[in-house]
């Protein structure tokens, strides 16, 4: 029950922050003048994060699964590094596509 409660709290915080970003974007004249893509930018960044999360989960479960206690730290560190290396370029590309100069 405790893990489900923490997961629900994380999802609630994620949903609330995404909605707040959408409300702010919808009220900003500079973003509205740049089109619908600029307004939906928070959703696109979140979608890129979900895709990176799925790829990293595949890495954690199939390519480098934790089979013993001494592999836990290395597996977590590897997931953090891979997530960072995938999400930074994904965010850069998405920003270039949806936030024009």
Protein backbone atom coordinates (compact mmCIF):
# COMPACT_ATOMS: atom_id res chain seq x y z
CA UNK A 1 0.00 0.00 0.00
CA UNK A 2 2.80 2.40 0.80
CA UNK A 3 4.46 2.02 -2.60
CA UNK A 4 1.13 2.57 -4.37
CA UNK A 5 0.54 5.68 -2.28
CA UNK A 6 3.95 7.10 -3.17
CA UNK A 7 3.33 6.33 -6.84
CA UNK A 8 -0.02 8.10 -6.69
CA UNK A 9 1.63 11.11 -5.05
CA UNK A 10 4.30 11.26 -7.76
CA UNK A 11 1.71 10.99 -10.51
CA UNK A 12 -0.42 13.67 -8.85
CA UNK A 13 2.54 16.04 -8.60
CA UNK A 14 3.49 15.35 -12.22
CA UNK A 15 -0.06 15.94 -13.45
CA UNK A 16 -0.45 19.13 -11.42
CA UNK A 17 2.85 20.61 -12.59
CA UNK A 18 2.03 19.75 -16.23
CA UNK A 19 -1.40 21.38 -15.95
CA UNK A 20 0.13 24.46 -14.32
CA UNK A 21 2.68 24.75 -17.15
CA UNK A 22 -0.11 24.45 -19.74
CA UNK A 23 -2.19 27.15 -18.01
CA UNK A 24 0.80 29.49 -17.86
CA UNK A 25 1.66 28.79 -21.51
CA UNK A 26 -1.94 29.43 -22.56
CA UNK A 27 -1.88 32.82 -20.84
CA UNK A 28 1.48 34.01 -22.19
CA UNK A 29 1.06 36.25 -25.25
CA UNK A 30 4.56 35.49 -26.58
CA UNK A 31 3.86 31.75 -26.64
CA UNK A 32 0.37 32.18 -28.06
CA UNK A 33 1.77 34.23 -30.95
CA UNK A 34 4.19 31.40 -31.77
CA UNK A 35 1.44 28.86 -32.32
CA UNK A 36 -0.13 25.79 -30.79
CA UNK A 37 3.14 23.85 -30.67
CA UNK A 38 4.69 26.37 -28.30
CA UNK A 39 1.67 26.17 -26.01
CA UNK A 40 1.80 22.35 -25.96
CA UNK A 41 5.55 22.32 -25.31
CA UNK A 42 5.19 21.02 -21.70
CA UNK A 43 3.25 18.00 -22.97
CA UNK A 44 5.83 17.27 -25.66
CA UNK A 45 8.71 17.42 -23.17
CA UNK A 46 6.77 15.06 -20.87
CA UNK A 47 6.14 12.68 -23.79
CA UNK A 48 9.87 12.67 -24.61
CA UNK A 49 10.53 11.84 -20.96
CA UNK A 50 8.10 8.92 -21.08
CA UNK A 51 9.80 7.51 -24.18
CA UNK A 52 13.23 7.82 -22.55
CA UNK A 53 11.80 6.17 -19.43
CA UNK A 54 10.57 3.21 -21.46
CA UNK A 55 13.96 2.79 -23.13
CA UNK A 56 15.75 2.99 -19.78
CA UNK A 57 13.32 0.50 -18.25
CA UNK A 58 14.12 -1.91 -21.07
CA UNK A 59 17.80 -1.46 -20.28
CA UNK A 60 17.19 -2.13 -16.59
CA UNK A 61 15.08 -5.23 -17.11
CA UNK A 62 16.61 -6.87 -20.18
CA UNK A 63 20.13 -5.64 -20.87
CA UNK A 64 21.48 -5.15 -17.34
CA UNK A 65 19.11 -6.79 -14.85
CA UNK A 66 19.94 -6.85 -11.16
CA UNK A 67 20.77 -10.45 -10.35
CA UNK A 68 22.65 -9.94 -7.11
CA UNK A 69 22.87 -7.37 -4.34
CA UNK A 70 26.24 -6.03 -5.42
CA UNK A 71 24.86 -5.00 -8.86
CA UNK A 72 22.14 -2.72 -7.46
CA UNK A 73 24.25 0.43 -7.15
CA UNK A 74 25.84 0.03 -10.57
CA UNK A 75 22.46 -0.65 -12.20
CA UNK A 76 20.93 2.49 -10.65
CA UNK A 77 23.92 4.59 -11.63
CA UNK A 78 23.80 3.21 -15.18
CA UNK A 79 20.08 4.04 -15.44
CA UNK A 80 20.70 7.60 -14.23
CA UNK A 81 23.51 8.13 -16.73
CA UNK A 82 21.59 6.62 -19.66
CA UNK A 83 18.49 8.64 -18.83
CA UNK A 84 20.53 11.84 -18.71
CA UNK A 85 22.34 11.07 -21.96
CA UNK A 86 19.06 10.33 -23.76
CA UNK A 87 16.87 13.08 -22.30
CA UNK A 88 19.20 16.03 -22.84
CA UNK A 89 19.38 15.63 -26.65
CA UNK A 90 15.69 14.72 -26.82
CA UNK A 91 14.77 17.93 -24.98
CA UNK A 92 17.10 19.94 -27.22
CA UNK A 93 15.51 18.51 -30.37
CA UNK A 94 11.96 19.00 -29.07
CA UNK A 95 12.77 22.58 -28.08
CA UNK A 96 14.10 23.32 -31.55
CA UNK A 97 10.96 21.87 -33.11
CA UNK A 98 8.29 23.44 -30.90
CA UNK A 99 9.84 26.72 -29.72
CA UNK A 100 10.87 28.62 -32.85
CA UNK A 101 13.24 31.56 -32.59
